[in-house]
Amino acid sequence: MPKIMKLSSLRNYSEVLEEVQSGAPVYLTKNGEGAYSILDISEYESLKQSLWQRLFAELAEAVQVAEAFGWIDEKKANDFLAREGLPEAI
């Protein structure tokens, strides 16, 4: 379960860091609003790895769809993005 502490708690940062455990981050608030989180390094690495895995899985799925239904050229992609109000592809 996460711990919620005021940002001013960092004056005694060693006490704050002692509260950080795997699966139990510390959330720091500023003016009553969430501002920062402190994660255990192993939890951070695990989160980062799972995000990369998800990204590559989504990219692989996009390639499968494109190969099944056909690829579109850059102009068609940019036209679609413009219609949707999104920035142009790189």
PDB file of N, CA and C in Angstrom:
ATOM      1  N   MET A   1       0.846  -1.175   0.000  1.00  0.00           N
ATOM      2  CA  MET A   1       0.000   0.000   0.000  1.00  0.00           C
ATOM      3  C   MET A   1       0.896   1.244   0.000  1.00  0.00           C
ATOM      4  N   PRO A   2       0.601   2.200  -0.873  1.00  0.00           N
ATOM      5  CA  PRO A   2       1.452   3.395  -0.933  1.00  0.00           C
ATOM      6  C   PRO A   2       1.289   4.263   0.311  1.00  0.00           C
ATOM      7  N   LYS A   3       2.333   4.982   0.610  1.00  0.00           N
ATOM      8  CA  LYS A   3       2.304   5.962   1.699  1.00  0.00           C
ATOM      9  C   LYS A   3       2.186   7.340   1.070  1.00  0.00           C
ATOM     10  N   ILE A   4       1.409   8.196   1.667  1.00  0.00           N
ATOM     11  CA  ILE A   4       1.246   9.561   1.173  1.00  0.00           C
ATOM     12  C   ILE A   4       1.833  10.505   2.212  1.00  0.00           C
ATOM     13  N   MET A   5       2.754  11.342   1.740  1.00  0.00           N
ATOM     14  CA  MET A   5       3.442  12.267   2.637  1.00  0.00           C
ATOM     15  C   MET A   5       3.524  13.638   1.981  1.00  0.00           C
ATOM     16  N   LYS A   6       3.659  14.649   2.792  1.00  0.00           N
ATOM     17  CA  LYS A   6       3.846  16.005   2.277  1.00  0.00           C
ATOM     18  C   LYS A   6       5.264  16.151   1.732  1.00  0.00           C
ATOM     19  N   LEU A   7       5.388  16.986   0.725  1.00  0.00           N
ATOM     20  CA  LEU A   7       6.694  17.250   0.133  1.00  0.00           C
ATOM     21  C   LEU A   7       7.678  17.767   1.182  1.00  0.00           C
ATOM     22  N   SER A   8       7.189  18.501   2.134  1.00  0.00           N
ATOM     23  CA  SER A   8       8.059  19.026   3.185  1.00  0.00           C
ATOM     24  C   SER A   8       8.692  17.911   4.017  1.00  0.00           C
ATOM     25  N   SER A   9       8.154  16.687   3.930  1.00  0.00           N
ATOM     26  CA  SER A   9       8.732  15.543   4.638  1.00  0.00           C
ATOM     27  C   SER A   9      10.152  15.249   4.173  1.00  0.00           C
ATOM     28  N   LEU A  10      10.503  15.731   2.987  1.00  0.00           N
ATOM     29  CA  LEU A  10      11.842  15.470   2.453  1.00  0.00           C
ATOM     30  C   LEU A  10      12.943  16.167   3.243  1.00  0.00           C
ATOM     31  N   ARG A  11      12.555  17.045   4.153  1.00  0.00           N
ATOM     32  CA  ARG A  11      13.583  17.636   5.028  1.00  0.00           C
ATOM     33  C   ARG A  11      14.306  16.525   5.781  1.00  0.00           C
ATOM     34  N   ASN A  12      13.573  15.469   6.093  1.00  0.00           N
ATOM     35  CA  ASN A  12      14.137  14.275   6.722  1.00  0.00           C
ATOM     36  C   ASN A  12      14.084  13.136   5.689  1.00  0.00           C
ATOM     37  N   TYR A  13      14.805  13.339   4.593  1.00  0.00           N
ATOM     38  CA  TYR A  13      14.688  12.410   3.464  1.00  0.00           C
ATOM     39  C   TYR A  13      15.027  10.977   3.829  1.00  0.00           C
ATOM     40  N   SER A  14      15.916  10.750   4.769  1.00  0.00           N
ATOM     41  CA  SER A  14      16.259   9.364   5.125  1.00  0.00           C
ATOM     42  C   SER A  14      15.051   8.651   5.718  1.00  0.00           C
ATOM     43  N   GLU A  15      14.237   9.355   6.488  1.00  0.00           N
ATOM     44  CA  GLU A  15      13.018   8.754   7.032  1.00  0.00           C
ATOM     45  C   GLU A  15      12.017   8.442   5.921  1.00  0.00           C
ATOM     46  N   VAL A  16      11.925   9.342   4.948  1.00  0.00           N
ATOM     47  CA  VAL A  16      11.019   9.113   3.814  1.00  0.00           C
ATOM     48  C   VAL A  16      11.480   7.894   3.029  1.00  0.00           C
ATOM     49  N   LEU A  17      12.777   7.801   2.754  1.00  0.00           N
ATOM     50  CA  LEU A  17      13.302   6.686   1.969  1.00  0.00           C
ATOM     51  C   LEU A  17      13.144   5.350   2.689  1.00  0.00           C
ATOM     52  N   GLU A  18      13.167   5.363   4.006  1.00  0.00           N
ATOM     53  CA  GLU A  18      12.941   4.124   4.761  1.00  0.00           C
ATOM     54  C   GLU A  18      11.526   3.585   4.545  1.00  0.00           C
ATOM     55  N   GLU A  19      10.588   4.463   4.181  1.00  0.00           N
ATOM     56  CA  GLU A  19       9.201   4.060   3.951  1.00  0.00           C
ATOM     57  C   GLU A  19       8.999   3.394   2.588  1.00  0.00           C
ATOM     58  N   VAL A  20       9.930   3.635   1.664  1.00  0.00           N
ATOM     59  CA  VAL A  20       9.805   3.084   0.312  1.00  0.00           C
ATOM     60  C   VAL A  20      10.123   1.601   0.335  1.00  0.00           C
ATOM     61  N   GLN A  21       9.190   0.803  -0.174  1.00  0.00           N
ATOM     62  CA  GLN A  21       9.377  -0.639  -0.276  1.00  0.00           C
ATOM     63  C   GLN A  21       8.838  -1.094  -1.623  1.00  0.00           C
ATOM     64  N   SER A  22       9.263  -2.264  -2.062  1.00  0.00           N
ATOM     65  CA  SER A  22       8.734  -2.811  -3.299  1.00  0.00           C
ATOM     66  C   SER A  22       7.233  -3.026  -3.131  1.00  0.00           C
ATOM     67  N   GLY A  23       6.469  -2.503  -4.054  1.00  0.00           N
ATOM     68  CA  GLY A  23       5.012  -2.610  -3.980  1.00  0.00           C
ATOM     69  C   GLY A  23       4.381  -1.562  -3.089  1.00  0.00           C
ATOM     70  N   ALA A  24       5.181  -0.704  -2.478  1.00  0.00           N
ATOM     71  CA  ALA A  24       4.664   0.336  -1.596  1.00  0.00           C
ATOM     72  C   ALA A  24       5.434   1.637  -1.828  1.00  0.00           C
ATOM     73  N   PRO A  25       5.129   2.332  -2.919  1.00  0.00           N
ATOM     74  CA  PRO A  25       5.819   3.591  -3.174  1.00  0.00           C
ATOM     75  C   PRO A  25       5.387   4.661  -2.177  1.00  0.00           C
ATOM     76  N   VAL A  26       6.155   5.722  -2.127  1.00  0.00           N
ATOM     77  CA  VAL A  26       5.791   6.891  -1.344  1.00  0.00           C
ATOM     78  C   VAL A  26       5.346   7.965  -2.325  1.00  0.00           C
ATOM     79  N   TYR A  27       4.154   8.496  -2.105  1.00  0.00           N
ATOM     80  CA  TYR A  27       3.646   9.598  -2.916  1.00  0.00           C
ATOM     81  C   TYR A  27       3.830  10.880  -2.127  1.00  0.00           C
ATOM     82  N   LEU A  28       4.405  11.873  -2.773  1.00  0.00           N
ATOM     83  CA  LEU A  28       4.629  13.160  -2.138  1.00  0.00           C
ATOM     84  C   LEU A  28       3.619  14.165  -2.682  1.00  0.00           C
ATOM     85  N   THR A  29       3.012  14.903  -1.788  1.00  0.00           N
ATOM     86  CA  THR A  29       2.026  15.899  -2.186  1.00  0.00           C
ATOM     87  C   THR A  29       2.592  17.299  -2.034  1.00  0.00           C
ATOM     88  N   LYS A  30       2.077  18.183  -2.880  1.00  0.00           N
ATOM     89  CA  LYS A  30       2.450  19.599  -2.820  1.00  0.00           C
ATOM     90  C   LYS A  30       1.145  20.380  -2.836  1.00  0.00           C
ATOM     91  N   ASN A  31       0.901  21.150  -1.806  1.00  0.00           N
ATOM     92  CA  ASN A  31      -0.356  21.892  -1.656  1.00  0.00           C
ATOM     93  C   ASN A  31      -1.564  20.968  -1.731  1.00  0.00           C
ATOM     94  N   GLY A  32      -1.421  19.779  -1.155  1.00  0.00           N
ATOM     95  CA  GLY A  32      -2.531  18.836  -1.091  1.00  0.00           C
ATOM     96  C   GLY A  32      -2.772  18.032  -2.348  1.00  0.00           C
ATOM     97  N   GLU A  33      -1.978  18.235  -3.369  1.00  0.00           N
ATOM     98  CA  GLU A  33      -2.119  17.532  -4.643  1.00  0.00           C
ATOM     99  C   GLU A  33      -0.927  16.610  -4.859  1.00  0.00           C
ATOM    100  N   GLY A  34      -1.161  15.465  -5.483  1.00  0.00           N
ATOM    101  CA  GLY A  34      -0.070  14.557  -5.806  1.00  0.00           C
ATOM    102  C   GLY A  34       0.949  15.240  -6.699  1.00  0.00           C
ATOM    103  N   ALA A  35       2.214  15.124  -6.370  1.00  0.00           N
ATOM    104  CA  ALA A  35       3.258  15.789  -7.145  1.00  0.00           C
ATOM    105  C   ALA A  35       4.358  14.827  -7.603  1.00  0.00           C
ATOM    106  N   TYR A  36       4.755  13.902  -6.729  1.00  0.00           N
ATOM    107  CA  TYR A  36       5.874  13.014  -7.035  1.00  0.00           C
ATOM    108  C   TYR A  36       5.624  11.641  -6.436  1.00  0.00           C
ATOM    109  N   SER A  37       6.335  10.656  -6.959  1.00  0.00           N
ATOM    110  CA  SER A  37       6.327   9.340  -6.328  1.00  0.00           C
ATOM    111  C   SER A  37       7.764   8.841  -6.249  1.00  0.00           C
ATOM    112  N   ILE A  38       8.041   8.085  -5.211  1.00  0.00           N
ATOM    113  CA  ILE A  38       9.360   7.475  -5.037  1.00  0.00           C
ATOM    114  C   ILE A  38       9.147   5.975  -5.038  1.00  0.00           C
ATOM    115  N   LEU A  39       9.799   5.296  -5.992  1.00  0.00           N
ATOM    116  CA  LEU A  39       9.657   3.851  -6.157  1.00  0.00           C
ATOM    117  C   LEU A  39      10.940   3.136  -5.769  1.00  0.00           C
ATOM    118  N   ASP A  40      10.784   1.933  -5.296  1.00  0.00           N
ATOM    119  CA  ASP A  40      11.910   1.029  -5.109  1.00  0.00           C
ATOM    120  C   ASP A  40      12.526   0.786  -6.483  1.00  0.00           C
ATOM    121  N   ILE A  41      13.843   0.732  -6.584  1.00  0.00           N
ATOM    122  CA  ILE A  41      14.514   0.613  -7.887  1.00  0.00           C
ATOM    123  C   ILE A  41      14.106  -0.649  -8.638  1.00  0.00           C
ATOM    124  N   SER A  42      13.912  -1.759  -7.925  1.00  0.00           N
ATOM    125  CA  SER A  42      13.505  -2.988  -8.614  1.00  0.00           C
ATOM    126  C   SER A  42      12.092  -2.846  -9.182  1.00  0.00           C
ATOM    127  N   GLU A  43      11.230  -2.142  -8.473  1.00  0.00           N
ATOM    128  CA  GLU A  43       9.879  -1.900  -8.977  1.00  0.00           C
ATOM    129  C   GLU A  43       9.916  -0.978 -10.192  1.00  0.00           C
ATOM    130  N   TYR A  44      10.769   0.038 -10.134  1.00  0.00           N
ATOM    131  CA  TYR A  44      10.940   0.939 -11.274  1.00  0.00           C
ATOM    132  C   TYR A  44      11.426   0.181 -12.502  1.00  0.00           C
ATOM    133  N   GLU A  45      12.452  -0.651 -12.328  1.00  0.00           N
ATOM    134  CA  GLU A  45      12.993  -1.424 -13.456  1.00  0.00           C
ATOM    135  C   GLU A  45      11.941  -2.369 -14.021  1.00  0.00           C
ATOM    136  N   SER A  46      11.169  -2.993 -13.160  1.00  0.00           N
ATOM    137  CA  SER A  46      10.101  -3.896 -13.595  1.00  0.00           C
ATOM    138  C   SER A  46       9.035  -3.135 -14.384  1.00  0.00           C
ATOM    139  N   LEU A  47       8.667  -1.961 -13.898  1.00  0.00           N
ATOM    140  CA  LEU A  47       7.679  -1.134 -14.588  1.00  0.00           C
ATOM    141  C   LEU A  47       8.192  -0.711 -15.955  1.00  0.00           C
ATOM    142  N   LYS A  48       9.443  -0.287 -15.995  1.00  0.00           N
ATOM    143  CA  LYS A  48      10.049   0.135 -17.259  1.00  0.00           C
ATOM    144  C   LYS A  48      10.079  -1.029 -18.255  1.00  0.00           C
ATOM    145  N   GLN A  49      10.460  -2.210 -17.789  1.00  0.00           N
ATOM    146  CA  GLN A  49      10.522  -3.387 -18.650  1.00  0.00           C
ATOM    147  C   GLN A  49       9.138  -3.747 -19.184  1.00  0.00           C
ATOM    148  N   SER A  50       8.127  -3.693 -18.331  1.00  0.00           N
ATOM    149  CA  SER A  50       6.777  -4.052 -18.779  1.00  0.00           C
ATOM    150  C   SER A  50       6.250  -3.035 -19.796  1.00  0.00           C
ATOM    151  N   LEU A  51       6.609  -1.767 -19.643  1.00  0.00           N
ATOM    152  CA  LEU A  51       6.189  -0.763 -20.619  1.00  0.00           C
ATOM    153  C   LEU A  51       6.849  -1.007 -21.977  1.00  0.00           C
ATOM    154  N   TRP A  52       8.143  -1.354 -21.964  1.00  0.00           N
ATOM    155  CA  TRP A  52       8.827  -1.663 -23.222  1.00  0.00           C
ATOM    156  C   TRP A  52       8.200  -2.887 -23.883  1.00  0.00           C
ATOM    157  N   GLN A  53       7.900  -3.915 -23.084  1.00  0.00           N
ATOM    158  CA  GLN A  53       7.283  -5.122 -23.633  1.00  0.00           C
ATOM    159  C   GLN A  53       5.933  -4.801 -24.261  1.00  0.00           C
ATOM    160  N   ARG A  54       5.159  -3.973 -23.580  1.00  0.00           N
ATOM    161  CA  ARG A  54       3.844  -3.595 -24.119  1.00  0.00           C
ATOM    162  C   ARG A  54       3.995  -2.813 -25.418  1.00  0.00           C
ATOM    163  N   LEU A  55       4.942  -1.879 -25.457  1.00  0.00           N
ATOM    164  CA  LEU A  55       5.176  -1.102 -26.663  1.00  0.00           C
ATOM    165  C   LEU A  55       5.523  -2.001 -27.842  1.00  0.00           C
ATOM    166  N   PHE A  56       6.470  -2.926 -27.634  1.00  0.00           N
ATOM    167  CA  PHE A  56       6.876  -3.799 -28.729  1.00  0.00           C
ATOM    168  C   PHE A  56       5.761  -4.759 -29.138  1.00  0.00           C
ATOM    169  N   ALA A  57       4.940  -5.205 -28.191  1.00  0.00           N
ATOM    170  CA  ALA A  57       3.798  -6.061 -28.521  1.00  0.00           C
ATOM    171  C   ALA A  57       2.802  -5.293 -29.386  1.00  0.00           C
ATOM    172  N   GLU A  58       2.558  -4.035 -29.036  1.00  0.00           N
ATOM    173  CA  GLU A  58       1.627  -3.214 -29.826  1.00  0.00           C
ATOM    174  C   GLU A  58       2.192  -2.933 -31.215  1.00  0.00           C
ATOM    175  N   LEU A  59       3.499  -2.687 -31.296  1.00  0.00           N
ATOM    176  CA  LEU A  59       4.120  -2.461 -32.599  1.00  0.00           C
ATOM    177  C   LEU A  59       4.054  -3.721 -33.460  1.00  0.00           C
ATOM    178  N   ALA A  60       4.287  -4.878 -32.861  1.00  0.00           N
ATOM    179  CA  ALA A  60       4.210  -6.142 -33.603  1.00  0.00           C
ATOM    180  C   ALA A  60       2.792  -6.367 -34.115  1.00  0.00           C
ATOM    181  N   GLU A  61       1.809  -6.048 -33.283  1.00  0.00           N
ATOM    182  CA  GLU A  61       0.410  -6.195 -33.716  1.00  0.00           C
ATOM    183  C   GLU A  61       0.098  -5.235 -34.860  1.00  0.00           C
ATOM    184  N   ALA A  62       0.624  -4.006 -34.792  1.00  0.00           N
ATOM    185  CA  ALA A  62       0.402  -3.028 -35.856  1.00  0.00           C
ATOM    186  C   ALA A  62       1.012  -3.509 -37.170  1.00  0.00           C
ATOM    187  N   VAL A  63       2.187  -4.116 -37.099  1.00  0.00           N
ATOM    188  CA  VAL A  63       2.825  -4.647 -38.303  1.00  0.00           C
ATOM    189  C   VAL A  63       1.978  -5.772 -38.894  1.00  0.00           C
ATOM    190  N   GLN A  64       1.449  -6.662 -38.058  1.00  0.00           N
ATOM    191  CA  GLN A  64       0.590  -7.750 -38.537  1.00  0.00           C
ATOM    192  C   GLN A  64      -0.646  -7.199 -39.235  1.00  0.00           C
ATOM    193  N   VAL A  65      -1.271  -6.192 -38.650  1.00  0.00           N
ATOM    194  CA  VAL A  65      -2.467  -5.586 -39.257  1.00  0.00           C
ATOM    195  C   VAL A  65      -2.102  -4.946 -40.589  1.00  0.00           C
ATOM    196  N   ALA A  66      -0.983  -4.212 -40.614  1.00  0.00           N
ATOM    197  CA  ALA A  66      -0.560  -3.554 -41.854  1.00  0.00           C
ATOM    198  C   ALA A  66      -0.261  -4.579 -42.940  1.00  0.00           C
ATOM    199  N   GLU A  67       0.365  -5.698 -42.568  1.00  0.00           N
ATOM    200  CA  GLU A  67       0.662  -6.722 -43.569  1.00  0.00           C
ATOM    201  C   GLU A  67      -0.601  -7.424 -44.042  1.00  0.00           C
ATOM    202  N   ALA A  68      -1.583  -7.568 -43.154  1.00  0.00           N
ATOM    203  CA  ALA A  68      -2.832  -8.228 -43.535  1.00  0.00           C
ATOM    204  C   ALA A  68      -3.720  -7.333 -44.398  1.00  0.00           C
ATOM    205  N   PHE A  69      -3.756  -6.034 -44.068  1.00  0.00           N
ATOM    206  CA  PHE A  69      -4.687  -5.130 -44.758  1.00  0.00           C
ATOM    207  C   PHE A  69      -3.993  -4.151 -45.691  1.00  0.00           C
ATOM    208  N   GLY A  70      -2.691  -4.143 -45.690  1.00  0.00           N
ATOM    209  CA  GLY A  70      -1.937  -3.267 -46.570  1.00  0.00           C
ATOM    210  C   GLY A  70      -1.396  -2.047 -45.844  1.00  0.00           C
ATOM    211  N   TRP A  71      -0.241  -1.646 -46.279  1.00  0.00           N
ATOM    212  CA  TRP A  71       0.409  -0.473 -45.718  1.00  0.00           C
ATOM    213  C   TRP A  71      -0.115   0.765 -46.438  1.00  0.00           C
ATOM    214  N   ILE A  72      -0.029   1.918 -45.798  1.00  0.00           N
ATOM    215  CA  ILE A  72      -0.383   3.159 -46.479  1.00  0.00           C
ATOM    216  C   ILE A  72       0.868   4.030 -46.541  1.00  0.00           C
ATOM    217  N   ASP A  73       0.885   4.921 -47.536  1.00  0.00           N
ATOM    218  CA  ASP A  73       2.067   5.769 -47.671  1.00  0.00           C
ATOM    219  C   ASP A  73       2.008   6.951 -46.706  1.00  0.00           C
ATOM    220  N   GLU A  74       3.108   7.668 -46.636  1.00  0.00           N
ATOM    221  CA  GLU A  74       3.241   8.759 -45.665  1.00  0.00           C
ATOM    222  C   GLU A  74       2.216   9.865 -45.898  1.00  0.00           C
ATOM    223  N   LYS A  75       1.916  10.163 -47.162  1.00  0.00           N
ATOM    224  CA  LYS A  75       0.950  11.228 -47.453  1.00  0.00           C
ATOM    225  C   LYS A  75      -0.432  10.860 -46.919  1.00  0.00           C
ATOM    226  N   LYS A  76      -0.873   9.625 -47.130  1.00  0.00           N
ATOM    227  CA  LYS A  76      -2.178   9.207 -46.622  1.00  0.00           C
ATOM    228  C   LYS A  76      -2.211   9.240 -45.095  1.00  0.00           C
ATOM    229  N   ALA A  77      -1.103   8.843 -44.481  1.00  0.00           N
ATOM    230  CA  ALA A  77      -1.039   8.863 -43.025  1.00  0.00           C
ATOM    231  C   ALA A  77      -1.124  10.296 -42.503  1.00  0.00           C
ATOM    232  N   ASN A  78      -0.391  11.217 -43.130  1.00  0.00           N
ATOM    233  CA  ASN A  78      -0.418  12.612 -42.695  1.00  0.00           C
ATOM    234  C   ASN A  78      -1.777  13.249 -42.959  1.00  0.00           C
ATOM    235  N   ASP A  79      -2.424  12.885 -44.066  1.00  0.00           N
ATOM    236  CA  ASP A  79      -3.775  13.394 -44.337  1.00  0.00           C
ATOM    237  C   ASP A  79      -4.740  12.940 -43.250  1.00  0.00           C
ATOM    238  N   PHE A  80      -4.647  11.677 -42.865  1.00  0.00           N
ATOM    239  CA  PHE A  80      -5.509  11.153 -41.803  1.00  0.00           C
ATOM    240  C   PHE A  80      -5.245  11.887 -40.492  1.00  0.00           C
ATOM    241  N   LEU A  81      -3.964  12.049 -40.148  1.00  0.00           N
ATOM    242  CA  LEU A  81      -3.623  12.734 -38.898  1.00  0.00           C
ATOM    243  C   LEU A  81      -4.126  14.171 -38.905  1.00  0.00           C
ATOM    244  N   ALA A  82      -4.031  14.847 -40.040  1.00  0.00           N
ATOM    245  CA  ALA A  82      -4.505  16.231 -40.153  1.00  0.00           C
ATOM    246  C   ALA A  82      -6.017  16.286 -39.935  1.00  0.00           C
ATOM    247  N   ARG A  83      -6.766  15.346 -40.537  1.00  0.00           N
ATOM    248  CA  ARG A  83      -8.220  15.303 -40.347  1.00  0.00           C
ATOM    249  C   ARG A  83      -8.590  15.090 -38.886  1.00  0.00           C
ATOM    250  N   GLU A  84      -7.758  14.328 -38.172  1.00  0.00           N
ATOM    251  CA  GLU A  84      -8.026  14.032 -36.761  1.00  0.00           C
ATOM    252  C   GLU A  84      -7.478  15.117 -35.831  1.00  0.00           C
ATOM    253  N   GLY A  85      -6.808  16.126 -36.401  1.00  0.00           N
ATOM    254  CA  GLY A  85      -6.248  17.188 -35.582  1.00  0.00           C
ATOM    255  C   GLY A  85      -5.009  16.780 -34.807  1.00  0.00           C
ATOM    256  N   LEU A  86      -4.275  15.809 -35.334  1.00  0.00           N
ATOM    257  CA  LEU A  86      -3.058  15.308 -34.686  1.00  0.00           C
ATOM    258  C   LEU A  86      -1.832  15.812 -35.439  1.00  0.00           C
ATOM    259  N   PRO A  87      -0.658  15.860 -34.767  1.00  0.00           N
ATOM    260  CA  PRO A  87       0.545  16.322 -35.458  1.00  0.00           C
ATOM    261  C   PRO A  87       0.966  15.341 -36.555  1.00  0.00           C
ATOM    262  N   GLU A  88       1.662  15.866 -37.555  1.00  0.00           N
ATOM    263  CA  GLU A  88       2.150  15.044 -38.659  1.00  0.00           C
ATOM    264  C   GLU A  88       3.116  13.976 -38.180  1.00  0.00           C
ATOM    265  N   ALA A  89       3.139  12.857 -38.913  1.00  0.00           N
ATOM    266  CA  ALA A  89       4.108  11.803 -38.632  1.00  0.00           C
ATOM    267  C   ALA A  89       5.500  12.319 -38.946  1.00  0.00           C
ATOM    268  N   ILE A  90       6.483  11.753 -38.319  1.00  0.00           N
ATOM    269  CA  ILE A  90       7.873  12.179 -38.548  1.00  0.00           C
ATOM    270  C   ILE A  90       8.376  11.550 -39.826  1.00  0.00           C
TER     271      ILE A  90
END
